[in-house]
C-alpha atoms as a PDB file:
ATOM      1  CA  MET A   1      -0.565 -34.530  22.564  1.00  0.00           C
ATOM      2  CA  GLU A   2      -3.875 -33.556  21.787  1.00  0.00           C
ATOM      3  CA  ALA A   3      -6.363 -31.734  24.047  1.00  0.00           C
ATOM      4  CA  PRO A   4      -9.690 -33.955  25.592  1.00  0.00           C
ATOM      5  CA  GLY A   5     -12.514 -34.190  22.672  1.00  0.00           C
ATOM      6  CA  ALA A   6     -10.501 -32.198  20.323  1.00  0.00           C
ATOM      7  CA  SER A   7     -11.031 -34.629  18.112  1.00  0.00           C
ATOM      8  CA  ASP A   8     -14.160 -33.523  16.709  1.00  0.00           C
ATOM      9  CA  VAL A   9     -14.906 -30.279  15.740  1.00  0.00           C
ATOM     10  CA  ASN A  10     -18.512 -30.125  17.561  1.00  0.00           C
ATOM     11  CA  ALA A  11     -16.378 -31.126  21.261  1.00  0.00           C
ATOM     12  CA  TYR A  12     -15.482 -28.655  23.491  1.00  0.00           C
ATOM     13  CA  PRO A  13     -14.075 -25.879  21.501  1.00  0.00           C
ATOM     14  CA  THR A  14     -10.809 -25.942  23.497  1.00  0.00           C
ATOM     15  CA  LEU A  15      -7.116 -25.901  21.836  1.00  0.00           C
ATOM     16  CA  THR A  16      -3.731 -27.721  22.835  1.00  0.00           C
ATOM     17  CA  ILE A  17      -1.479 -25.473  22.608  1.00  0.00           C
ATOM     18  CA  ARG A  18       2.307 -25.133  22.423  1.00  0.00           C
ATOM     19  CA  LEU A  19       3.830 -22.478  23.949  1.00  0.00           C
ATOM     20  CA  GLN A  20       7.616 -21.428  23.109  1.00  0.00           C
ATOM     21  CA  ASP A  21       9.102 -22.687  25.986  1.00  0.00           C
ATOM     22  CA  GLY A  22       7.476 -26.123  25.912  1.00  0.00           C
ATOM     23  CA  GLN A  23       4.871 -26.248  28.000  1.00  0.00           C
ATOM     24  CA  LEU A  24       1.072 -27.240  27.089  1.00  0.00           C
ATOM     25  CA  ARG A  25      -1.956 -25.864  28.501  1.00  0.00           C
ATOM     26  CA  LEU A  26      -5.697 -25.480  27.008  1.00  0.00           C
ATOM     27  CA  VAL A  27      -6.914 -22.249  25.560  1.00  0.00           C
ATOM     28  CA  ASP A  28     -10.103 -21.240  24.670  1.00  0.00           C
ATOM     29  CA  PRO A  29     -10.017 -20.656  20.509  1.00  0.00           C
ATOM     30  CA  LEU A  30     -11.599 -16.995  21.376  1.00  0.00           C
ATOM     31  CA  ASP A  31      -8.791 -16.432  24.291  1.00  0.00           C
ATOM     32  CA  VAL A  32      -6.354 -17.437  21.761  1.00  0.00           C
ATOM     33  CA  LEU A  33      -7.732 -14.745  18.964  1.00  0.00           C
ATOM     34  CA  LYS A  34      -7.698 -12.008  21.398  1.00  0.00           C
ATOM     35  CA  GLU A  35      -3.741 -12.644  21.775  1.00  0.00           C
ATOM     36  CA  CYS A  36      -3.173 -12.656  18.173  1.00  0.00           C
ATOM     37  CA  VAL A  37      -2.778  -9.904  15.212  1.00  0.00           C
ATOM     38  CA  ILE A  38      -2.630 -13.022  12.632  1.00  0.00           C
ATOM     39  CA  PHE A  39      -4.484 -16.117  13.032  1.00  0.00           C
ATOM     40  CA  ILE A  40      -4.147 -19.228  10.785  1.00  0.00           C
ATOM     41  CA  ILE A  41      -5.987 -22.163  10.443  1.00  0.00           C
ATOM     42  CA  PHE A  42      -4.581 -24.970   8.065  1.00  0.00           C
ATOM     43  CA  PRO A  43      -5.002 -28.201   6.935  1.00  0.00           C
ATOM     44  CA  ASN A  44      -2.273 -31.196   5.905  1.00  0.00           C
ATOM     45  CA  SER A  45      -1.584 -30.766   2.322  1.00  0.00           C
ATOM     46  CA  ARG A  46       0.349 -32.607  -0.333  1.00  0.00           C
ATOM     47  CA  SER A  47       2.666 -30.165  -0.929  1.00  0.00           C
ATOM     48  CA  ALA A  48       6.777 -30.557  -0.797  1.00  0.00           C
ATOM     49  CA  ASN A  49       6.362 -27.545   1.646  1.00  0.00           C
ATOM     50  CA  LEU A  50       3.899 -28.915   4.226  1.00  0.00           C
ATOM     51  CA  PRO A  51       7.282 -29.608   6.731  1.00  0.00           C
ATOM     52  CA  ILE A  52       7.992 -26.102   6.357  1.00  0.00           C
ATOM     53  CA  ALA A  53       4.764 -25.125   6.740  1.00  0.00           C
ATOM     54  CA  ILE A  54       4.552 -26.570  10.025  1.00  0.00           C
ATOM     55  CA  SER A  55       8.169 -26.097  11.691  1.00  0.00           C
ATOM     56  CA  LEU A  56       6.870 -21.894  10.875  1.00  0.00           C
ATOM     57  CA  ALA A  57       3.581 -22.406  12.485  1.00  0.00           C
ATOM     58  CA  GLN A  58       5.259 -24.113  15.707  1.00  0.00           C
ATOM     59  CA  SER A  59       7.818 -21.446  15.957  1.00  0.00           C
ATOM     60  CA  THR A  60       4.658 -18.807  16.397  1.00  0.00           C
ATOM     61  CA  THR A  61       3.867 -17.466  19.739  1.00  0.00           C
ATOM     62  CA  VAL A  62       0.975 -20.153  19.708  1.00  0.00           C
ATOM     63  CA  TYR A  63       0.023 -23.598  17.833  1.00  0.00           C
ATOM     64  CA  GLY A  64      -2.025 -26.321  18.211  1.00  0.00           C
ATOM     65  CA  GLU A  65      -3.794 -28.983  16.411  1.00  0.00           C
ATOM     66  CA  GLN A  66      -7.240 -30.403  15.904  1.00  0.00           C
ATOM     67  CA  LYS A  67      -8.841 -33.338  14.438  1.00  0.00           C
ATOM     68  CA  VAL A  68     -11.699 -32.431  12.009  1.00  0.00           C
ATOM     69  CA  GLY A  69     -13.539 -34.604  10.422  1.00  0.00           C
ATOM     70  CA  GLY A  70     -10.418 -37.294  10.555  1.00  0.00           C
ATOM     71  CA  ARG A  71      -8.191 -34.607   8.855  1.00  0.00           C
ATOM     72  CA  THR A  72      -5.748 -33.126  10.837  1.00  0.00           C
ATOM     73  CA  MET A  73      -6.048 -29.145  11.093  1.00  0.00           C
ATOM     74  CA  HIS A  74      -2.620 -26.847  12.226  1.00  0.00           C
ATOM     75  CA  TRP A  75      -3.844 -23.762  14.188  1.00  0.00           C
ATOM     76  CA  ALA A  76      -0.538 -20.708  14.743  1.00  0.00           C
ATOM     77  CA  GLY A  77      -1.098 -17.555  16.599  1.00  0.00           C
ATOM     78  CA  VAL A  78       0.832 -14.716  15.315  1.00  0.00           C
ATOM     79  CA  THR A  79       1.408 -11.873  18.167  1.00  0.00           C
ATOM     80  CA  SER A  80       3.258  -8.502  17.408  1.00  0.00           C
ATOM     81  CA  ALA A  81       6.439  -9.293  18.542  1.00  0.00           C
ATOM     82  CA  LEU A  82       9.063  -8.518  15.377  1.00  0.00           C
ATOM     83  CA  GLU A  83      10.170 -11.799  14.997  1.00  0.00           C
ATOM     84  CA  ASP A  84       6.459 -13.644  15.268  1.00  0.00           C
ATOM     85  CA  LEU A  85       5.474 -11.410  12.462  1.00  0.00           C
ATOM     86  CA  LYS A  86       8.428 -12.666  10.383  1.00  0.00           C
ATOM     87  CA  ARG A  87       7.357 -16.033  10.878  1.00  0.00           C
ATOM     88  CA  GLY A  88       3.467 -14.973  10.261  1.00  0.00           C
ATOM     89  CA  ALA A  89       4.352 -13.024   6.841  1.00  0.00           C
ATOM     90  CA  GLU A  90       6.483 -16.044   5.245  1.00  0.00           C
ATOM     91  CA  PHE A  91       3.858 -18.458   6.106  1.00  0.00           C
ATOM     92  CA  LEU A  92       1.285 -16.464   4.037  1.00  0.00           C
ATOM     93  CA  ARG A  93       3.920 -16.593   1.014  1.00  0.00           C
ATOM     94  CA  LEU A  94       4.362 -19.875   1.658  1.00  0.00           C
ATOM     95  CA  ALA A  95       0.951 -21.478   2.417  1.00  0.00           C
ATOM     96  CA  GLY A  96      -1.386 -18.972   2.598  1.00  0.00           C
ATOM     97  CA  SER A  97      -3.228 -20.062  -0.799  1.00  0.00           C
ATOM     98  CA  TRP A  98      -3.712 -23.405   0.023  1.00  0.00           C
ATOM     99  CA  LYS A  99      -6.693 -24.742  -0.215  1.00  0.00           C
ATOM    100  CA  GLY A 100      -8.452 -24.838   3.304  1.00  0.00           C
ATOM    101  CA  THR A 101      -6.217 -22.467   4.509  1.00  0.00           C
ATOM    102  CA  MET A 102      -8.144 -19.370   6.385  1.00  0.00           C
ATOM    103  CA  THR A 103      -6.308 -16.383   7.594  1.00  0.00           C
ATOM    104  CA  GLN A 104      -7.682 -13.505   9.959  1.00  0.00           C
ATOM    105  CA  ILE A 105      -6.119 -10.452  10.809  1.00  0.00           C
ATOM    106  CA  ASN A 106      -7.155  -8.579  13.588  1.00  0.00           C
ATOM    107  CA  GLY A 107     -10.407 -10.448  13.871  1.00  0.00           C
ATOM    108  CA  GLU A 108     -11.042 -10.086  10.129  1.00  0.00           C
ATOM    109  CA  PHE A 109     -10.689 -12.918   7.805  1.00  0.00           C
ATOM    110  CA  VAL A 110      -8.350 -11.959   4.943  1.00  0.00           C
ATOM    111  CA  SER A 111      -9.629 -13.026   1.138  1.00  0.00           C
ATOM    112  CA  ASP A 112      -6.031 -12.202  -0.232  1.00  0.00           C
ATOM    113  CA  PRO A 113      -3.380 -13.788   1.723  1.00  0.00           C
ATOM    114  CA  PHE A 114      -0.510 -12.849  -0.425  1.00  0.00           C
ATOM    115  CA  ASN A 115      -1.551  -9.203  -0.607  1.00  0.00           C
ATOM    116  CA  ALA A 116      -1.351  -9.355   3.326  1.00  0.00           C
ATOM    117  CA  TYR A 117       1.972 -10.875   3.013  1.00  0.00           C
ATOM    118  CA  LEU A 118       3.112  -8.027   1.335  1.00  0.00           C
ATOM    119  CA  THR A 119       1.477  -5.595   3.377  1.00  0.00           C
ATOM    120  CA  ILE A 120       3.115  -6.782   6.514  1.00  0.00           C
ATOM    121  CA  SER A 121       6.408  -7.093   4.748  1.00  0.00           C
ATOM    122  CA  CYS A 122       6.009  -3.527   4.278  1.00  0.00           C
ATOM    123  CA  TYR A 123       5.497  -2.827   7.635  1.00  0.00           C
ATOM    124  CA  LEU A 124       8.452  -4.850   9.015  1.00  0.00           C
ATOM    125  CA  GLN A 125      10.606  -2.665   6.677  1.00  0.00           C
ATOM    126  CA  GLY A 126       9.246  -0.025   8.223  1.00  0.00           C
ATOM    127  CA  ARG A 127      10.021  -0.827  11.915  1.00  0.00           C
ATOM    128  CA  GLN A 128      13.327  -0.555  10.997  1.00  0.00           C
ATOM    129  CA  CYS A 129      13.749   2.458  10.130  1.00  0.00           C
ATOM    130  CA  ALA A 130      14.635   5.078  11.974  1.00  0.00           C
ATOM    131  CA  SER A 131      11.808   7.627  10.484  1.00  0.00           C
ATOM    132  CA  GLN A 132       8.333   6.306   9.742  1.00  0.00           C
ATOM    133  CA  ALA A 133       7.542   9.087   7.715  1.00  0.00           C
ATOM    134  CA  ALA A 134      10.496   8.389   5.584  1.00  0.00           C
ATOM    135  CA  HIS A 135       9.458   4.752   5.122  1.00  0.00           C
ATOM    136  CA  CYS A 136       5.426   5.340   4.218  1.00  0.00           C
ATOM    137  CA  HIS A 137       5.235   8.518   3.213  1.00  0.00           C
ATOM    138  CA  ARG A 138       5.369   9.868  -0.461  1.00  0.00           C
ATOM    139  CA  VAL A 139       5.234  13.583  -1.998  1.00  0.00           C
ATOM    140  CA  ILE A 140       2.960  13.623  -5.037  1.00  0.00           C
ATOM    141  CA  ASP A 141       1.478  16.155  -7.288  1.00  0.00           C
ATOM    142  CA  ASP A 142      -1.899  17.614  -6.500  1.00  0.00           C
ATOM    143  CA  PRO A 143      -4.366  14.917  -7.481  1.00  0.00           C
ATOM    144  CA  PHE A 144      -7.680  16.905  -7.641  1.00  0.00           C
ATOM    145  CA  HIS A 145      -5.673  18.515 -10.665  1.00  0.00           C
ATOM    146  CA  GLN A 146      -7.457  17.385 -14.350  1.00  0.00           C
ATOM    147  CA  ASN A 147      -4.004  16.446 -16.043  1.00  0.00           C
ATOM    148  CA  PHE A 148      -2.963  14.560 -12.924  1.00  0.00           C
ATOM    149  CA  ASP A 149      -1.763  10.831 -14.058  1.00  0.00           C
ATOM    150  CA  THR A 150      -2.298   8.101 -11.637  1.00  0.00           C
ATOM    151  CA  PHE A 151       0.590   6.110 -12.628  1.00  0.00           C
ATOM    152  CA  THR A 152       3.621   8.592 -12.138  1.00  0.00           C
ATOM    153  CA  GLN A 153       1.568  10.723  -9.836  1.00  0.00           C
ATOM    154  CA  THR A 154       2.232  13.692 -11.574  1.00  0.00           C
ATOM    155  CA  VAL A 155       0.688  16.402 -13.345  1.00  0.00           C
ATOM    156  CA  LYS A 156       1.364  16.455 -16.767  1.00  0.00           C
ATOM    157  CA  ILE A 157       1.141  20.026 -18.268  1.00  0.00           C
ATOM    158  CA  ASP A 158      -0.189  19.626 -22.042  1.00  0.00           C
ATOM    159  CA  PRO A 159      -0.673  22.978 -23.437  1.00  0.00           C
ATOM    160  CA  THR A 160      -2.937  23.162 -26.623  1.00  0.00           C
ATOM    161  CA  TYR A 161      -0.498  25.788 -28.056  1.00  0.00           C
ATOM    162  CA  ARG A 162       2.354  24.299 -30.046  1.00  0.00           C
ATOM    163  CA  PRO A 163       4.738  27.180 -31.373  1.00  0.00           C
ATOM    164  CA  ASN A 164       5.829  26.848 -34.943  1.00  0.00           C
ATOM    165  CA  LEU A 165       9.050  27.979 -36.254  1.00  0.00           C
ATOM    166  CA  GLY A 166       8.986  32.005 -36.081  1.00  0.00           C
ATOM    167  CA  ASP A 167       6.558  32.222 -33.280  1.00  0.00           C
ATOM    168  CA  VAL A 168       7.466  35.404 -30.565  1.00  0.00           C
ATOM    169  CA  VAL A 169       7.010  33.297 -27.633  1.00  0.00           C
ATOM    170  CA  VAL A 170       7.639  33.595 -23.837  1.00  0.00           C
ATOM    171  CA  VAL A 171       8.502  31.187 -21.034  1.00  0.00           C
ATOM    172  CA  ALA A 172       5.943  30.963 -18.226  1.00  0.00           C
ATOM    173  CA  THR A 173       5.911  29.456 -15.013  1.00  0.00           C
ATOM    174  CA  ASP A 174       2.688  27.799 -13.504  1.00  0.00           C
ATOM    175  CA  HIS A 175       2.553  26.086 -10.051  1.00  0.00           C
ATOM    176  CA  VAL A 176       1.262  22.906  -8.909  1.00  0.00           C
ATOM    177  CA  LYS A 177       0.441  21.781  -5.540  1.00  0.00           C
ATOM    178  CA  GLN A 178       2.649  18.868  -4.084  1.00  0.00           C
ATOM    179  CA  TYR A 179       0.754  16.691  -1.219  1.00  0.00           C
ATOM    180  CA  ALA A 180       2.297  14.428   1.166  1.00  0.00           C
ATOM    181  CA  PHE A 181       0.321  11.089   0.643  1.00  0.00           C
ATOM    182  CA  PRO A 182      -0.057   8.618   3.970  1.00  0.00           C
ATOM    183  CA  CYS A 183       1.019   5.019   2.134  1.00  0.00           C
ATOM    184  CA  LYS A 184       3.598   4.324  -0.432  1.00  0.00           C
ATOM    185  CA  ARG A 185       2.127   0.966  -0.538  1.00  0.00           C
ATOM    186  CA  MET A 186      -0.832   2.127  -1.771  1.00  0.00           C
ATOM    187  CA  LEU A 187       0.833   4.083  -4.573  1.00  0.00           C
ATOM    188  CA  GLU A 188       2.081   0.965  -5.696  1.00  0.00           C
ATOM    189  CA  GLN A 189      -1.483  -1.323  -5.478  1.00  0.00           C
ATOM    190  CA  SER A 190      -2.856   1.946  -6.973  1.00  0.00           C
ATOM    191  CA  LEU A 191      -1.162   0.874 -10.312  1.00  0.00           C
ATOM    192  CA  PHE A 192      -3.289  -2.553 -10.502  1.00  0.00           C
ATOM    193  CA  HIS A 193      -6.249  -0.728  -9.883  1.00  0.00           C
ATOM    194  CA  SER A 194      -6.656   2.339 -12.132  1.00  0.00           C
ATOM    195  CA  GLN A 195     -10.009   3.481 -10.842  1.00  0.00           C
ATOM    196  CA  PHE A 196      -8.651   4.304  -7.542  1.00  0.00           C
ATOM    197  CA  LYS A 197      -8.020   8.240  -8.094  1.00  0.00           C
ATOM    198  CA  PHE A 198      -9.691  11.440  -6.174  1.00  0.00           C
ATOM    199  CA  GLU A 199     -13.030  12.268  -7.364  1.00  0.00           C
ATOM    200  CA  GLN A 200     -13.873  16.041  -6.747  1.00  0.00           C
ATOM    201  CA  ALA A 201     -17.668  15.387  -6.542  1.00  0.00           C
ATOM    202  CA  ASN A 202     -16.977  12.768  -3.636  1.00  0.00           C
ATOM    203  CA  ARG A 203     -18.504  15.045  -0.545  1.00  0.00           C
ATOM    204  CA  ALA A 204     -16.127  12.798   1.323  1.00  0.00           C
ATOM    205  CA  ALA A 205     -13.145  14.244   2.648  1.00  0.00           C
ATOM    206  CA  PRO A 206      -9.791  12.836   0.944  1.00  0.00           C
ATOM    207  CA  GLN A 207      -8.344  11.439   4.120  1.00  0.00           C
ATOM    208  CA  ASP A 208     -11.516   9.410   4.012  1.00  0.00           C
ATOM    209  CA  TYR A 209     -11.480   8.414   0.614  1.00  0.00           C
ATOM    210  CA  ILE A 210      -7.912   6.922   1.313  1.00  0.00           C
ATOM    211  CA  GLN A 211      -9.084   5.315   4.288  1.00  0.00           C
ATOM    212  CA  ALA A 212     -11.599   3.218   2.793  1.00  0.00           C
ATOM    213  CA  ALA A 213      -9.424   2.809  -0.586  1.00  0.00           C
ATOM    214  CA  ALA A 214      -7.289   1.030   2.231  1.00  0.00           C
ATOM    215  CA  VAL A 215     -10.103  -1.393   3.341  1.00  0.00           C
ATOM    216  CA  GLU A 216     -10.564  -2.456  -0.150  1.00  0.00           C
ATOM    217  CA  TYR A 217      -7.469  -3.423  -0.813  1.00  0.00           C
ATOM    218  CA  GLY A 218      -6.159  -4.794   2.669  1.00  0.00           C
ATOM    219  CA  ILE A 219      -3.835  -2.348   3.505  1.00  0.00           C
ATOM    220  CA  ASN A 220      -5.654  -1.082   6.601  1.00  0.00           C
ATOM    221  CA  ILE A 221      -4.155  -3.893   8.703  1.00  0.00           C
ATOM    222  CA  CYS A 222      -0.863  -1.975   8.830  1.00  0.00           C
ATOM    223  CA  PRO A 223      -0.226  -0.438  12.097  1.00  0.00           C
ATOM    224  CA  PHE A 224       1.430   2.610  10.538  1.00  0.00           C
ATOM    225  CA  PHE A 225      -1.430   3.267   8.008  1.00  0.00           C
ATOM    226  CA  ASP A 226      -2.886   6.763   9.134  1.00  0.00           C
ATOM    227  CA  SER A 227      -5.029   8.613   6.115  1.00  0.00           C
ATOM    228  CA  SER A 228      -4.914  11.775   8.255  1.00  0.00           C
ATOM    229  CA  LYS A 229      -1.331  12.207   7.086  1.00  0.00           C
ATOM    230  CA  PHE A 230      -2.390  13.558   3.804  1.00  0.00           C
ATOM    231  CA  ARG A 231      -1.905  17.318   3.390  1.00  0.00           C
ATOM    232  CA  GLU A 232      -0.415  19.702   1.305  1.00  0.00           C
ATOM    233  CA  VAL A 233       3.159  20.304   1.474  1.00  0.00           C
ATOM    234  CA  GLY A 234       3.934  22.783  -0.794  1.00  0.00           C
ATOM    235  CA  ALA A 235       4.450  23.569  -4.841  1.00  0.00           C
ATOM    236  CA  ARG A 236       6.400  22.956  -7.884  1.00  0.00           C
ATOM    237  CA  GLU A 237       7.114  25.050 -10.713  1.00  0.00           C
ATOM    238  CA  VAL A 238       6.383  23.942 -14.345  1.00  0.00           C
ATOM    239  CA  GLU A 239       7.043  26.039 -17.401  1.00  0.00           C
ATOM    240  CA  VAL A 240       4.756  26.811 -19.522  1.00  0.00           C
ATOM    241  CA  VAL A 241       4.972  28.071 -23.280  1.00  0.00           C
ATOM    242  CA  LEU A 242       2.765  30.552 -24.723  1.00  0.00           C
ATOM    243  CA  PRO A 243       2.232  33.000 -27.438  1.00  0.00           C
ATOM    244  CA  THR A 244       2.835  36.642 -26.290  1.00  0.00           C
ATOM    245  CA  LYS A 245      -0.965  37.467 -26.395  1.00  0.00           C
ATOM    246  CA  MET A 246      -1.462  34.753 -23.951  1.00  0.00           C
ATOM    247  CA  ALA A 247       1.365  35.523 -21.301  1.00  0.00           C
ATOM    248  CA  GLY A 248       0.056  37.313 -18.643  1.00  0.00           C
ATOM    249  CA  GLY A 249      -3.131  35.251 -17.615  1.00  0.00           C
ATOM    250  CA  PRO A 250      -4.354  34.411 -14.534  1.00  0.00           C
ATOM    251  CA  GLY A 251      -2.444  32.285 -12.385  1.00  0.00           C
ATOM    252  CA  ILE A 252       0.614  32.534 -15.454  1.00  0.00           C
ATOM    253  CA  GLU A 253       4.147  34.165 -14.172  1.00  0.00           C
ATOM    254  CA  MET A 254       6.065  35.435 -16.939  1.00  0.00           C
ATOM    255  CA  LYS A 255       9.255  33.999 -16.527  1.00  0.00           C
ATOM    256  CA  ASN A 256      11.251  36.297 -19.164  1.00  0.00           C
ATOM    257  CA  GLY A 257      10.082  38.449 -22.133  1.00  0.00           C
ATOM    258  CA  PRO A 258       9.134  37.651 -25.283  1.00  0.00           C
ATOM    259  CA  ARG A 259      11.672  35.888 -27.622  1.00  0.00           C
ATOM    260  CA  ARG A 260      11.165  34.793 -31.326  1.00  0.00           C
ATOM    261  CA  GLN A 261      10.775  31.265 -31.585  1.00  0.00           C
ATOM    262  CA  GLY A 262      13.474  29.404 -34.152  1.00  0.00           C
ATOM    263  CA  LYS A 263      16.653  29.058 -35.064  1.00  0.00           C
ATOM    264  CA  GLY A 264      19.243  32.252 -34.455  1.00  0.00           C
ATOM    265  CA  SER A 265      16.809  33.554 -32.428  1.00  0.00           C
ATOM    266  CA  LEU A 266      17.165  34.825 -29.412  1.00  0.00           C
ATOM    267  CA  ASN A 267      15.769  31.605 -28.107  1.00  0.00           C
ATOM    268  CA  GLY A 268      17.383  29.661 -29.689  1.00  0.00           C
ATOM    269  CA  ALA A 269      18.110  26.853 -26.640  1.00  0.00           C
ATOM    270  CA  ARG A 270      14.474  25.817 -27.834  1.00  0.00           C
ATOM    271  CA  ASP A 271      13.503  24.149 -30.898  1.00  0.00           C
ATOM    272  CA  GLY A 272      10.106  24.654 -33.023  1.00  0.00           C
ATOM    273  CA  TYR A 273       8.018  22.905 -30.128  1.00  0.00           C
ATOM    274  CA  GLY A 274       9.048  25.073 -27.031  1.00  0.00           C
ATOM    275  CA  ARG A 275      10.945  21.933 -25.365  1.00  0.00           C
ATOM    276  CA  ARG A 276      15.105  22.535 -24.494  1.00  0.00           C
ATOM    277  CA  ARG A 277      17.570  21.400 -26.546  1.00  0.00           C
END
């Protein structure tokens, strides 16, 4: 069934909406957008998956069809209800990249539907967890540290001193701050966007920097995303091997007394590079 005047895109802007209870009513498209977190428009396609895509669209909260220039366009509106979001996510995975398909999430057009699918899927997993923080948050080393590695999210201590056999050394400990990062999905995404890293020269707060990156990566659509959850949570100890003349420097805590490096010495459990055997 087709709404009066719906055969032309310039006609009165109403849609025929098929509700899940089977009833039909005319609804202004702008009203549909207000009710839905995801709004999808897609044309008929030659893909073998078209019947599946139409079936998914028809199973969402609202669905309609409209003729535009002689071509049938399908409309689907997805609310924040769990089952509805699952259907919307599956549609984005299946047909989000089809030519002519347009997707809006929270009123904004999405340029990367598959990335949106990954974010929504992550959110759906989080809704099944007893603790949102356990699903979303990850502990990382100090991202402002000069030796912070964006791939592993850890600080790699690489001292310039390399002990030789027979050197007298001490094993000292340094402390690396650790932070709660509010979005594991962003950490995964940043592996493909190595330019995302904190810049101490940037005057923006770290939380604002994270929020801006979330917009860039399309992660800000997640209802769980909250950049204000970024905070310092503690520190971890890192062992550093130093020659005796460097021991006791600022921020360095001696772990034991001087030891002679090499086989048969008091520090025989370490090799010539200070590594444990």
